[in-house]
All heavy atoms as atom14 arrays in JSON, in Angstrom:
{
  "sequence": "ISLRPYQMEAIGRMHNGCILCGGVGSGKSRTALGYFYAQNGGVLGSTY",
  "atom14_mask": [
    [1, 1, 1, 1, 1, 1, 1, 1, 0, 0, 0, 0, 0, 0],
    [1, 1, 1, 1, 1, 1, 0, 0, 0, 0, 0, 0, 0, 0],
    [1, 1, 1, 1, 1, 1, 1, 1, 0, 0, 0, 0, 0, 0],
    [1, 1, 1, 1, 1, 1, 1, 1, 1, 1, 1, 0, 0, 0],
    [1, 1, 1, 1, 1, 1, 1, 0, 0, 0, 0, 0, 0, 0],
    [1, 1, 1, 1, 1, 1, 1, 1, 1, 1, 1, 1, 0, 0],
    [1, 1, 1, 1, 1, 1, 1, 1, 1, 0, 0, 0, 0, 0],
    [1, 1, 1, 1, 1, 1, 1, 1, 0, 0, 0, 0, 0, 0],
    [1, 1, 1, 1, 1, 1, 1, 1, 1, 0, 0, 0, 0, 0],
    [1, 1, 1, 1, 1, 0, 0, 0, 0, 0, 0, 0, 0, 0],
    [1, 1, 1, 1, 1, 1, 1, 1, 0, 0, 0, 0, 0, 0],
    [1, 1, 1, 1, 0, 0, 0, 0, 0, 0, 0, 0, 0, 0],
    [1, 1, 1, 1, 1, 1, 1, 1, 1, 1, 1, 0, 0, 0],
    [1, 1, 1, 1, 1, 1, 1, 1, 0, 0, 0, 0, 0, 0],
    [1, 1, 1, 1, 1, 1, 1, 1, 1, 1, 0, 0, 0, 0],
    [1, 1, 1, 1, 1, 1, 1, 1, 0, 0, 0, 0, 0, 0],
    [1, 1, 1, 1, 0, 0, 0, 0, 0, 0, 0, 0, 0, 0],
    [1, 1, 1, 1, 1, 1, 0, 0, 0, 0, 0, 0, 0, 0],
    [1, 1, 1, 1, 1, 1, 1, 1, 0, 0, 0, 0, 0, 0],
    [1, 1, 1, 1, 1, 1, 1, 1, 0, 0, 0, 0, 0, 0],
    [1, 1, 1, 1, 1, 1, 0, 0, 0, 0, 0, 0, 0, 0],
    [1, 1, 1, 1, 0, 0, 0, 0, 0, 0, 0, 0, 0, 0],
    [1, 1, 1, 1, 0, 0, 0, 0, 0, 0, 0, 0, 0, 0],
    [1, 1, 1, 1, 1, 1, 1, 0, 0, 0, 0, 0, 0, 0],
    [1, 1, 1, 1, 0, 0, 0, 0, 0, 0, 0, 0, 0, 0],
    [1, 1, 1, 1, 1, 1, 0, 0, 0, 0, 0, 0, 0, 0],
    [1, 1, 1, 1, 0, 0, 0, 0, 0, 0, 0, 0, 0, 0],
    [1, 1, 1, 1, 1, 1, 1, 1, 1, 0, 0, 0, 0, 0],
    [1, 1, 1, 1, 1, 1, 0, 0, 0, 0, 0, 0, 0, 0],
    [1, 1, 1, 1, 1, 1, 1, 1, 1, 1, 1, 0, 0, 0],
    [1, 1, 1, 1, 1, 1, 1, 0, 0, 0, 0, 0, 0, 0],
    [1, 1, 1, 1, 1, 0, 0, 0, 0, 0, 0, 0, 0, 0],
    [1, 1, 1, 1, 1, 1, 1, 1, 0, 0, 0, 0, 0, 0],
    [1, 1, 1, 1, 0, 0, 0, 0, 0, 0, 0, 0, 0, 0],
    [1, 1, 1, 1, 1, 1, 1, 1, 1, 1, 1, 1, 0, 0],
    [1, 1, 1, 1, 1, 1, 1, 1, 1, 1, 1, 0, 0, 0],
    [1, 1, 1, 1, 1, 1, 1, 1, 1, 1, 1, 1, 0, 0],
    [1, 1, 1, 1, 1, 0, 0, 0, 0, 0, 0, 0, 0, 0],
    [1, 1, 1, 1, 1, 1, 1, 1, 1, 0, 0, 0, 0, 0],
    [1, 1, 1, 1, 1, 1, 1, 1, 0, 0, 0, 0, 0, 0],
    [1, 1, 1, 1, 0, 0, 0, 0, 0, 0, 0, 0, 0, 0],
    [1, 1, 1, 1, 0, 0, 0, 0, 0, 0, 0, 0, 0, 0],
    [1, 1, 1, 1, 1, 1, 1, 0, 0, 0, 0, 0, 0, 0],
    [1, 1, 1, 1, 1, 1, 1, 1, 0, 0, 0, 0, 0, 0],
    [1, 1, 1, 1, 0, 0, 0, 0, 0, 0, 0, 0, 0, 0],
    [1, 1, 1, 1, 1, 1, 0, 0, 0, 0, 0, 0, 0, 0],
    [1, 1, 1, 1, 1, 1, 1, 0, 0, 0, 0, 0, 0, 0],
    [1, 1, 1, 1, 1, 1, 1, 1, 1, 1, 1, 1, 0, 0]
  ],
  "atom14_positions": [
    [[-52.38, -77.54, 50.41], [-53.34, -77.87, 49.37], [-54.74, -77.41, 49.8], [-55.18, -77.8, 50.89], [-53.3, -79.31, 48.97], [-51.97, -79.7, 48.5], [-54.34, -79.65, 47.92], [-51.73, -81.16, 48.24], [0.0, 0.0, 0.0], [0.0, 0.0, 0.0], [0.0, 0.0, 0.0], [0.0, 0.0, 0.0], [0.0, 0.0, 0.0], [0.0, 0.0, 0.0]],
    [[-55.36, -76.66, 48.93], [-56.77, -76.23, 49.22], [-57.66, -76.67, 48.11], [-57.43, -76.29, 46.9], [-56.84, -74.69, 49.35], [-58.13, -74.24, 49.53], [0.0, 0.0, 0.0], [0.0, 0.0, 0.0], [0.0, 0.0, 0.0], [0.0, 0.0, 0.0], [0.0, 0.0, 0.0], [0.0, 0.0, 0.0], [0.0, 0.0, 0.0], [0.0, 0.0, 0.0]],
    [[-58.6, -77.47, 48.37], [-59.6, -77.99, 47.38], [-60.98, -77.62, 47.85], [-61.27, -77.76, 49.04], [-59.41, -79.49, 47.21], [-58.19, -79.97, 46.48], [-58.05, -81.46, 46.64], [-58.19, -79.61, 45.03], [0.0, 0.0, 0.0], [0.0, 0.0, 0.0], [0.0, 0.0, 0.0], [0.0, 0.0, 0.0], [0.0, 0.0, 0.0], [0.0, 0.0, 0.0]],
    [[-61.77, -77.23, 46.9], [-63.19, -76.89, 47.26], [-64.02, -78.14, 47.34], [-63.68, -79.2, 46.83], [-63.74, -75.9, 46.25], [-62.91, -74.62, 46.18], [-63.68, -73.51, 45.47], [-62.87, -72.27, 45.53], [-63.34, -71.07, 45.3], [-64.64, -70.93, 44.96], [-62.55, -69.99, 45.38], [0.0, 0.0, 0.0], [0.0, 0.0, 0.0], [0.0, 0.0, 0.0]],
    [[-65.15, -78.08, 48.08], [-65.99, -79.31, 48.24], [-66.35, -79.99, 46.93], [-66.31, -81.22, 46.85], [-67.23, -78.75, 48.96], [-66.72, -77.57, 49.71], [-65.66, -76.95, 48.82], [0.0, 0.0, 0.0], [0.0, 0.0, 0.0], [0.0, 0.0, 0.0], [0.0, 0.0, 0.0], [0.0, 0.0, 0.0], [0.0, 0.0, 0.0], [0.0, 0.0, 0.0]],
    [[-66.7, -79.2, 45.88], [-67.09, -79.85, 44.62], [-65.92, -80.58, 43.94], [-66.08, -81.54, 43.22], [-67.76, -78.89, 43.68], [-66.9, -77.82, 43.09], [-66.2, -78.14, 41.9], [-66.67, -76.58, 43.65], [-65.34, -77.16, 41.29], [-65.85, -75.62, 43.09], [-65.2, -75.95, 41.87], [-64.35, -75.02, 41.32], [0.0, 0.0, 0.0], [0.0, 0.0, 0.0]],
    [[-64.67, -79.98, 44.22], [-63.52, -80.71, 43.7], [-63.25, -81.99, 44.41], [-62.86, -82.97, 43.78], [-62.34, -79.69, 43.74], [-62.45, -78.48, 42.85], [-61.35, -77.48, 43.09], [-60.97, -77.18, 44.28], [-60.85, -76.88, 42.07], [0.0, 0.0, 0.0], [0.0, 0.0, 0.0], [0.0, 0.0, 0.0], [0.0, 0.0, 0.0], [0.0, 0.0, 0.0]],
    [[-63.38, -81.93, 45.72], [-63.18, -83.22, 46.5], [-64.2, -84.25, 46.1], [-63.94, -85.42, 45.97], [-63.36, -82.85, 48.0], [-62.3, -81.97, 48.58], [-60.72, -82.87, 48.83], [-61.18, -83.87, 50.29], [0.0, 0.0, 0.0], [0.0, 0.0, 0.0], [0.0, 0.0, 0.0], [0.0, 0.0, 0.0], [0.0, 0.0, 0.0], [0.0, 0.0, 0.0]],
    [[-65.43, -83.79, 45.87], [-66.49, -84.71, 45.5], [-66.16, -85.35, 44.13], [-66.39, -86.55, 43.89], [-67.83, -83.99, 45.41], [-69.05, -84.88, 45.31], [-69.41, -85.16, 43.84], [-69.02, -84.39, 42.97], [-70.11, -86.18, 43.65], [0.0, 0.0, 0.0], [0.0, 0.0, 0.0], [0.0, 0.0, 0.0], [0.0, 0.0, 0.0], [0.0, 0.0, 0.0]],
    [[-65.62, -84.58, 43.17], [-65.29, -85.05, 41.88], [-64.22, -86.1, 41.99], [-64.19, -87.17, 41.32], [-64.89, -83.91, 40.95], [0.0, 0.0, 0.0], [0.0, 0.0, 0.0], [0.0, 0.0, 0.0], [0.0, 0.0, 0.0], [0.0, 0.0, 0.0], [0.0, 0.0, 0.0], [0.0, 0.0, 0.0], [0.0, 0.0, 0.0], [0.0, 0.0, 0.0]],
    [[-63.21, -85.83, 42.78], [-62.07, -86.77, 43.0], [-62.59, -88.13, 43.51], [-62.09, -89.15, 43.09], [-61.02, -86.17, 43.91], [-60.3, -84.98, 43.28], [-60.0, -87.23, 44.38], [-59.35, -84.2, 44.17], [0.0, 0.0, 0.0], [0.0, 0.0, 0.0], [0.0, 0.0, 0.0], [0.0, 0.0, 0.0], [0.0, 0.0, 0.0], [0.0, 0.0, 0.0]],
    [[-63.57, -88.1, 44.36], [-64.11, -89.33, 44.85], [-64.82, -90.18, 43.78], [-64.99, -91.37, 43.97], [0.0, 0.0, 0.0], [0.0, 0.0, 0.0], [0.0, 0.0, 0.0], [0.0, 0.0, 0.0], [0.0, 0.0, 0.0], [0.0, 0.0, 0.0], [0.0, 0.0, 0.0], [0.0, 0.0, 0.0], [0.0, 0.0, 0.0], [0.0, 0.0, 0.0]],
    [[-65.23, -89.52, 42.72], [-65.85, -90.3, 41.63], [-64.9, -90.61, 40.47], [-65.29, -91.25, 39.52], [-67.04, -89.49, 41.07], [-68.21, -89.4, 42.05], [-69.41, -88.66, 41.51], [-69.18, -87.25, 41.33], [-69.18, -86.62, 40.16], [-69.44, -87.36, 39.02], [-69.01, -85.33, 40.06], [0.0, 0.0, 0.0], [0.0, 0.0, 0.0], [0.0, 0.0, 0.0]],
    [[-63.73, -90.04, 40.51], [-62.79, -90.3, 39.37], [-62.18, -91.69, 39.41], [-62.08, -92.31, 40.49], [-61.66, -89.22, 39.43], [-62.22, -87.83, 39.12], [-60.92, -86.52, 39.38], [-59.72, -86.91, 38.08], [0.0, 0.0, 0.0], [0.0, 0.0, 0.0], [0.0, 0.0, 0.0], [0.0, 0.0, 0.0], [0.0, 0.0, 0.0], [0.0, 0.0, 0.0]],
    [[-61.72, -92.09, 38.27], [-61.12, -93.47, 38.13], [-60.23, -93.4, 36.9], [-60.31, -92.52, 36.08], [-62.16, -94.53, 38.04], [-63.15, -94.28, 36.89], [-62.95, -94.68, 35.56], [-64.38, -93.7, 36.89], [-63.93, -94.37, 34.82], [-64.85, -93.72, 35.63], [0.0, 0.0, 0.0], [0.0, 0.0, 0.0], [0.0, 0.0, 0.0], [0.0, 0.0, 0.0]],
    [[-59.4, -94.44, 36.78], [-58.53, -94.53, 35.63], [-59.31, -94.56, 34.35], [-60.3, -95.23, 34.19], [-57.67, -95.8, 35.71], [-56.64, -95.87, 34.6], [-55.77, -94.99, 34.49], [-56.67, -96.94, 33.79], [0.0, 0.0, 0.0], [0.0, 0.0, 0.0], [0.0, 0.0, 0.0], [0.0, 0.0, 0.0], [0.0, 0.0, 0.0], [0.0, 0.0, 0.0]],
    [[-58.89, -93.68, 33.39], [-59.57, -93.65, 32.08], [-60.8, -92.78, 32.03], [-61.52, -92.81, 31.05], [0.0, 0.0, 0.0], [0.0, 0.0, 0.0], [0.0, 0.0, 0.0], [0.0, 0.0, 0.0], [0.0, 0.0, 0.0], [0.0, 0.0, 0.0], [0.0, 0.0, 0.0], [0.0, 0.0, 0.0], [0.0, 0.0, 0.0], [0.0, 0.0, 0.0]],
    [[-61.01, -91.99, 33.09], [-62.2, -91.13, 33.09], [-61.96, -89.76, 32.41], [-60.81, -89.45, 32.13], [-62.73, -90.88, 34.52], [-61.65, -89.78, 35.53], [0.0, 0.0, 0.0], [0.0, 0.0, 0.0], [0.0, 0.0, 0.0], [0.0, 0.0, 0.0], [0.0, 0.0, 0.0], [0.0, 0.0, 0.0], [0.0, 0.0, 0.0], [0.0, 0.0, 0.0]],
    [[-63.05, -89.07, 32.19], [-62.96, -87.74, 31.58], [-63.5, -86.79, 32.64], [-64.71, -86.74, 32.97], [-63.86, -87.61, 30.33], [-63.49, -88.7, 29.31], [-63.77, -86.21, 29.72], [-64.46, -88.77, 28.1], [0.0, 0.0, 0.0], [0.0, 0.0, 0.0], [0.0, 0.0, 0.0], [0.0, 0.0, 0.0], [0.0, 0.0, 0.0], [0.0, 0.0, 0.0]],
    [[-62.61, -85.93, 33.12], [-63.01, -84.91, 34.09], [-63.52, -83.72, 33.32], [-62.76, -83.08, 32.6], [-61.87, -84.52, 35.0], [-62.09, -83.44, 36.07], [-63.16, -83.91, 37.05], [-60.86, -83.04, 36.76], [0.0, 0.0, 0.0], [0.0, 0.0, 0.0], [0.0, 0.0, 0.0], [0.0, 0.0, 0.0], [0.0, 0.0, 0.0], [0.0, 0.0, 0.0]],
    [[-64.79, -83.41, 33.46], [-65.4, -82.34, 32.69], [-65.84, -81.24, 33.59], [-66.61, -81.38, 34.48], [-66.63, -82.95, 31.95], [-67.42, -81.79, 30.85], [0.0, 0.0, 0.0], [0.0, 0.0, 0.0], [0.0, 0.0, 0.0], [0.0, 0.0, 0.0], [0.0, 0.0, 0.0], [0.0, 0.0, 0.0], [0.0, 0.0, 0.0], [0.0, 0.0, 0.0]],
    [[-65.34, -80.04, 33.29], [-65.66, -78.83, 34.03], [-65.46, -77.62, 33.22], [-64.56, -77.57, 32.36], [0.0, 0.0, 0.0], [0.0, 0.0, 0.0], [0.0, 0.0, 0.0], [0.0, 0.0, 0.0], [0.0, 0.0, 0.0], [0.0, 0.0, 0.0], [0.0, 0.0, 0.0], [0.0, 0.0, 0.0], [0.0, 0.0, 0.0], [0.0, 0.0, 0.0]],
    [[-66.25, -76.62, 33.41], [-66.15, -75.38, 32.6], [-64.86, -74.67, 32.83], [-64.1, -74.94, 33.8], [0.0, 0.0, 0.0], [0.0, 0.0, 0.0], [0.0, 0.0, 0.0], [0.0, 0.0, 0.0], [0.0, 0.0, 0.0], [0.0, 0.0, 0.0], [0.0, 0.0, 0.0], [0.0, 0.0, 0.0], [0.0, 0.0, 0.0], [0.0, 0.0, 0.0]],
    [[-64.57, -73.69, 31.94], [-63.38, -72.91, 32.05], [-63.37, -72.17, 33.4], [-64.4, -71.61, 33.79], [-63.27, -71.88, 30.9], [-62.1, -70.97, 31.09], [-63.25, -72.63, 29.57], [0.0, 0.0, 0.0], [0.0, 0.0, 0.0], [0.0, 0.0, 0.0], [0.0, 0.0, 0.0], [0.0, 0.0, 0.0], [0.0, 0.0, 0.0], [0.0, 0.0, 0.0]],
    [[-62.31, -72.32, 34.11], [-62.2, -71.61, 35.45], [-62.71, -72.42, 36.6], [-62.77, -71.93, 37.73], [0.0, 0.0, 0.0], [0.0, 0.0, 0.0], [0.0, 0.0, 0.0], [0.0, 0.0, 0.0], [0.0, 0.0, 0.0], [0.0, 0.0, 0.0], [0.0, 0.0, 0.0], [0.0, 0.0, 0.0], [0.0, 0.0, 0.0], [0.0, 0.0, 0.0]],
    [[-63.09, -73.68, 36.4], [-63.64, -74.51, 37.49], [-62.59, -75.19, 38.31], [-62.88, -75.76, 39.33], [-64.58, -75.61, 36.86], [-63.87, -76.44, 35.99], [0.0, 0.0, 0.0], [0.0, 0.0, 0.0], [0.0, 0.0, 0.0], [0.0, 0.0, 0.0], [0.0, 0.0, 0.0], [0.0, 0.0, 0.0], [0.0, 0.0, 0.0], [0.0, 0.0, 0.0]],
    [[-61.29, -75.07, 37.86], [-60.25, -75.72, 38.68], [-59.96, -77.15, 38.32], [-59.61, -77.98, 39.22], [0.0, 0.0, 0.0], [0.0, 0.0, 0.0], [0.0, 0.0, 0.0], [0.0, 0.0, 0.0], [0.0, 0.0, 0.0], [0.0, 0.0, 0.0], [0.0, 0.0, 0.0], [0.0, 0.0, 0.0], [0.0, 0.0, 0.0], [0.0, 0.0, 0.0]],
    [[-60.15, -77.52, 37.05], [-59.86, -78.91, 36.61], [-58.4, -79.33, 36.89], [-58.17, -80.46, 37.26], [-60.21, -79.09, 35.17], [-61.64, -78.92, 34.8], [-61.89, -79.26, 33.3], [-61.15, -78.34, 32.35], [-61.6, -76.92, 32.44], [0.0, 0.0, 0.0], [0.0, 0.0, 0.0], [0.0, 0.0, 0.0], [0.0, 0.0, 0.0], [0.0, 0.0, 0.0]],
    [[-57.51, -78.42, 36.66], [-56.07, -78.79, 36.82], [-55.79, -79.17, 38.31], [-55.12, -80.2, 38.57], [-55.2, -77.63, 36.42], [-55.44, -77.23, 35.06], [0.0, 0.0, 0.0], [0.0, 0.0, 0.0], [0.0, 0.0, 0.0], [0.0, 0.0, 0.0], [0.0, 0.0, 0.0], [0.0, 0.0, 0.0], [0.0, 0.0, 0.0], [0.0, 0.0, 0.0]],
    [[-56.24, -78.34, 39.24], [-56.0, -78.6, 40.67], [-56.69, -79.94, 41.06], [-56.17, -80.74, 41.77], [-56.55, -77.43, 41.47], [-56.47, -77.63, 42.97], [-55.05, -77.68, 43.48], [-54.34, -76.44, 43.21], [-54.26, -75.42, 44.03], [-54.87, -75.51, 45.22], [-53.61, -74.38, 43.74], [0.0, 0.0, 0.0], [0.0, 0.0, 0.0], [0.0, 0.0, 0.0]],
    [[-57.91, -80.14, 40.5], [-58.65, -81.37, 40.85], [-57.93, -82.59, 40.31], [-57.81, -83.62, 40.99], [-60.05, -81.27, 40.27], [-60.7, -80.13, 40.72], [-60.93, -82.48, 40.64], [0.0, 0.0, 0.0], [0.0, 0.0, 0.0], [0.0, 0.0, 0.0], [0.0, 0.0, 0.0], [0.0, 0.0, 0.0], [0.0, 0.0, 0.0], [0.0, 0.0, 0.0]],
    [[-57.42, -82.5, 39.06], [-56.73, -83.67, 38.46], [-55.44, -84.01, 39.23], [-55.15, -85.17, 39.51], [-56.35, -83.32, 37.0], [0.0, 0.0, 0.0], [0.0, 0.0, 0.0], [0.0, 0.0, 0.0], [0.0, 0.0, 0.0], [0.0, 0.0, 0.0], [0.0, 0.0, 0.0], [0.0, 0.0, 0.0], [0.0, 0.0, 0.0], [0.0, 0.0, 0.0]],
    [[-54.71, -82.99, 39.66], [-53.5, -83.24, 40.46], [-53.85, -83.75, 41.84], [-53.08, -84.56, 42.4], [-52.7, -81.95, 40.55], [-51.99, -81.51, 39.24], [-51.33, -80.15, 39.39], [-50.97, -82.51, 38.78], [0.0, 0.0, 0.0], [0.0, 0.0, 0.0], [0.0, 0.0, 0.0], [0.0, 0.0, 0.0], [0.0, 0.0, 0.0], [0.0, 0.0, 0.0]],
    [[-54.98, -83.32, 42.36], [-55.47, -83.84, 43.67], [-55.74, -85.37, 43.53], [-55.43, -86.15, 44.42], [0.0, 0.0, 0.0], [0.0, 0.0, 0.0], [0.0, 0.0, 0.0], [0.0, 0.0, 0.0], [0.0, 0.0, 0.0], [0.0, 0.0, 0.0], [0.0, 0.0, 0.0], [0.0, 0.0, 0.0], [0.0, 0.0, 0.0], [0.0, 0.0, 0.0]],
    [[-56.25, -85.74, 42.36], [-56.53, -87.2, 42.18], [-55.19, -87.93, 42.06], [-55.04, -89.02, 42.67], [-57.33, -87.36, 40.85], [-57.51, -88.82, 40.41], [-58.41, -89.63, 41.05], [-56.73, -89.32, 39.37], [-58.55, -90.98, 40.65], [-56.91, -90.58, 38.88], [-57.8, -91.44, 39.58], [-57.96, -92.74, 39.17], [0.0, 0.0, 0.0], [0.0, 0.0, 0.0]],
    [[-54.23, -87.43, 41.38], [-52.93, -88.07, 41.21], [-52.28, -88.16, 42.61], [-51.71, -89.2, 42.95], [-52.0, -87.22, 40.29], [-50.58, -87.66, 40.29], [-50.15, -88.75, 39.54], [-49.6, -86.94, 41.07], [-48.86, -89.11, 39.55], [-48.31, -87.33, 41.09], [-47.89, -88.49, 40.33], [0.0, 0.0, 0.0], [0.0, 0.0, 0.0], [0.0, 0.0, 0.0]],
    [[-52.38, -87.1, 43.34], [-51.88, -87.05, 44.72], [-52.42, -88.16, 45.6], [-51.72, -88.93, 46.27], [-52.09, -85.68, 45.3], [-51.8, -85.51, 46.76], [-50.51, -85.45, 47.27], [-52.88, -85.3, 47.67], [-50.26, -85.24, 48.6], [-52.57, -85.11, 49.06], [-51.31, -85.1, 49.5], [-51.04, -84.87, 50.83], [0.0, 0.0, 0.0], [0.0, 0.0, 0.0]],
    [[-53.78, -88.3, 45.54], [-54.41, -89.32, 46.36], [-54.12, -90.74, 45.84], [-53.97, -91.64, 46.66], [-55.93, -89.12, 46.31], [0.0, 0.0, 0.0], [0.0, 0.0, 0.0], [0.0, 0.0, 0.0], [0.0, 0.0, 0.0], [0.0, 0.0, 0.0], [0.0, 0.0, 0.0], [0.0, 0.0, 0.0], [0.0, 0.0, 0.0], [0.0, 0.0, 0.0]],
    [[-53.99, -90.91, 44.54], [-53.66, -92.21, 44.01], [-52.25, -92.69, 44.35], [-51.95, -93.86, 44.3], [-53.81, -92.19, 42.46], [-55.22, -92.09, 41.93], [-56.06, -93.25, 42.27], [-56.99, -93.22, 43.11], [-55.77, -94.42, 41.65], [0.0, 0.0, 0.0], [0.0, 0.0, 0.0], [0.0, 0.0, 0.0], [0.0, 0.0, 0.0], [0.0, 0.0, 0.0]],
    [[-51.4, -91.74, 44.69], [-50.01, -92.06, 45.03], [-49.68, -91.91, 46.52], [-48.55, -91.66, 46.86], [-49.09, -91.18, 44.15], [-48.98, -91.64, 42.72], [-48.12, -92.47, 42.4], [-49.91, -91.11, 41.89], [0.0, 0.0, 0.0], [0.0, 0.0, 0.0], [0.0, 0.0, 0.0], [0.0, 0.0, 0.0], [0.0, 0.0, 0.0], [0.0, 0.0, 0.0]],
    [[-50.7, -92.09, 47.36], [-50.5, -92.17, 48.77], [-50.73, -90.88, 49.51], [-50.65, -90.9, 50.77], [0.0, 0.0, 0.0], [0.0, 0.0, 0.0], [0.0, 0.0, 0.0], [0.0, 0.0, 0.0], [0.0, 0.0, 0.0], [0.0, 0.0, 0.0], [0.0, 0.0, 0.0], [0.0, 0.0, 0.0], [0.0, 0.0, 0.0], [0.0, 0.0, 0.0]],
    [[-50.99, -89.81, 48.83], [-51.31, -88.58, 49.53], [-52.7, -88.6, 50.18], [-53.57, -89.37, 49.78], [0.0, 0.0, 0.0], [0.0, 0.0, 0.0], [0.0, 0.0, 0.0], [0.0, 0.0, 0.0], [0.0, 0.0, 0.0], [0.0, 0.0, 0.0], [0.0, 0.0, 0.0], [0.0, 0.0, 0.0], [0.0, 0.0, 0.0], [0.0, 0.0, 0.0]],
    [[-52.85, -87.8, 51.2], [-54.18, -87.78, 51.88], [-54.72, -86.39, 51.73], [-54.17, -85.37, 52.15], [-54.02, -88.12, 53.37], [-55.38, -88.02, 54.09], [-53.44, -89.48, 53.58], [0.0, 0.0, 0.0], [0.0, 0.0, 0.0], [0.0, 0.0, 0.0], [0.0, 0.0, 0.0], [0.0, 0.0, 0.0], [0.0, 0.0, 0.0], [0.0, 0.0, 0.0]],
    [[-55.93, -86.34, 51.05], [-56.52, -85.0, 50.82], [-57.1, -84.47, 52.13], [-57.85, -85.12, 52.84], [-57.62, -85.16, 49.76], [-57.11, -85.47, 48.35], [-58.28, -85.88, 47.45], [-56.39, -84.32, 47.8], [0.0, 0.0, 0.0], [0.0, 0.0, 0.0], [0.0, 0.0, 0.0], [0.0, 0.0, 0.0], [0.0, 0.0, 0.0], [0.0, 0.0, 0.0]],
    [[-56.73, -83.28, 52.46], [-57.19, -82.61, 53.67], [-56.4, -81.35, 53.81], [-55.77, -80.83, 52.9], [0.0, 0.0, 0.0], [0.0, 0.0, 0.0], [0.0, 0.0, 0.0], [0.0, 0.0, 0.0], [0.0, 0.0, 0.0], [0.0, 0.0, 0.0], [0.0, 0.0, 0.0], [0.0, 0.0, 0.0], [0.0, 0.0, 0.0], [0.0, 0.0, 0.0]],
    [[-56.43, -80.82, 55.01], [-55.81, -79.51, 55.19], [-54.32, -79.6, 55.35], [-53.6, -78.65, 55.1], [-56.42, -78.86, 56.43], [-56.25, -79.63, 57.61], [0.0, 0.0, 0.0], [0.0, 0.0, 0.0], [0.0, 0.0, 0.0], [0.0, 0.0, 0.0], [0.0, 0.0, 0.0], [0.0, 0.0, 0.0], [0.0, 0.0, 0.0], [0.0, 0.0, 0.0]],
    [[-53.84, -80.73, 55.82], [-52.35, -80.88, 56.05], [-51.72, -81.84, 54.96], [-52.33, -82.92, 54.66], [-52.13, -81.52, 57.41], [-52.7, -80.68, 58.4], [-50.67, -81.63, 57.69], [0.0, 0.0, 0.0], [0.0, 0.0, 0.0], [0.0, 0.0, 0.0], [0.0, 0.0, 0.0], [0.0, 0.0, 0.0], [0.0, 0.0, 0.0], [0.0, 0.0, 0.0]],
    [[-50.69, -81.4, 54.43], [-49.97, -82.2, 53.37], [-49.41, -83.48, 53.97], [-48.65, -83.44, 54.97], [-48.9, -81.34, 52.75], [-48.28, -81.96, 51.49], [-48.76, -81.58, 50.23], [-47.23, -82.88, 51.59], [-48.2, -82.12, 49.12], [-46.69, -83.39, 50.39], [-47.16, -83.04, 49.2], [-46.62, -83.6, 48.07], [0.0, 0.0, 0.0], [0.0, 0.0, 0.0]]
  ]
}
């Protein structure tokens, strides 16, 4: 998993019921799944 710094920063501010807002091509899908991954016990970093 590779996430850019601004995506990691967004995940840190996300919460249930939030609206993740980013322009076309900003990687919202990857960021949203990163949030799901972290919420379910995954650890965001270089190693899965």
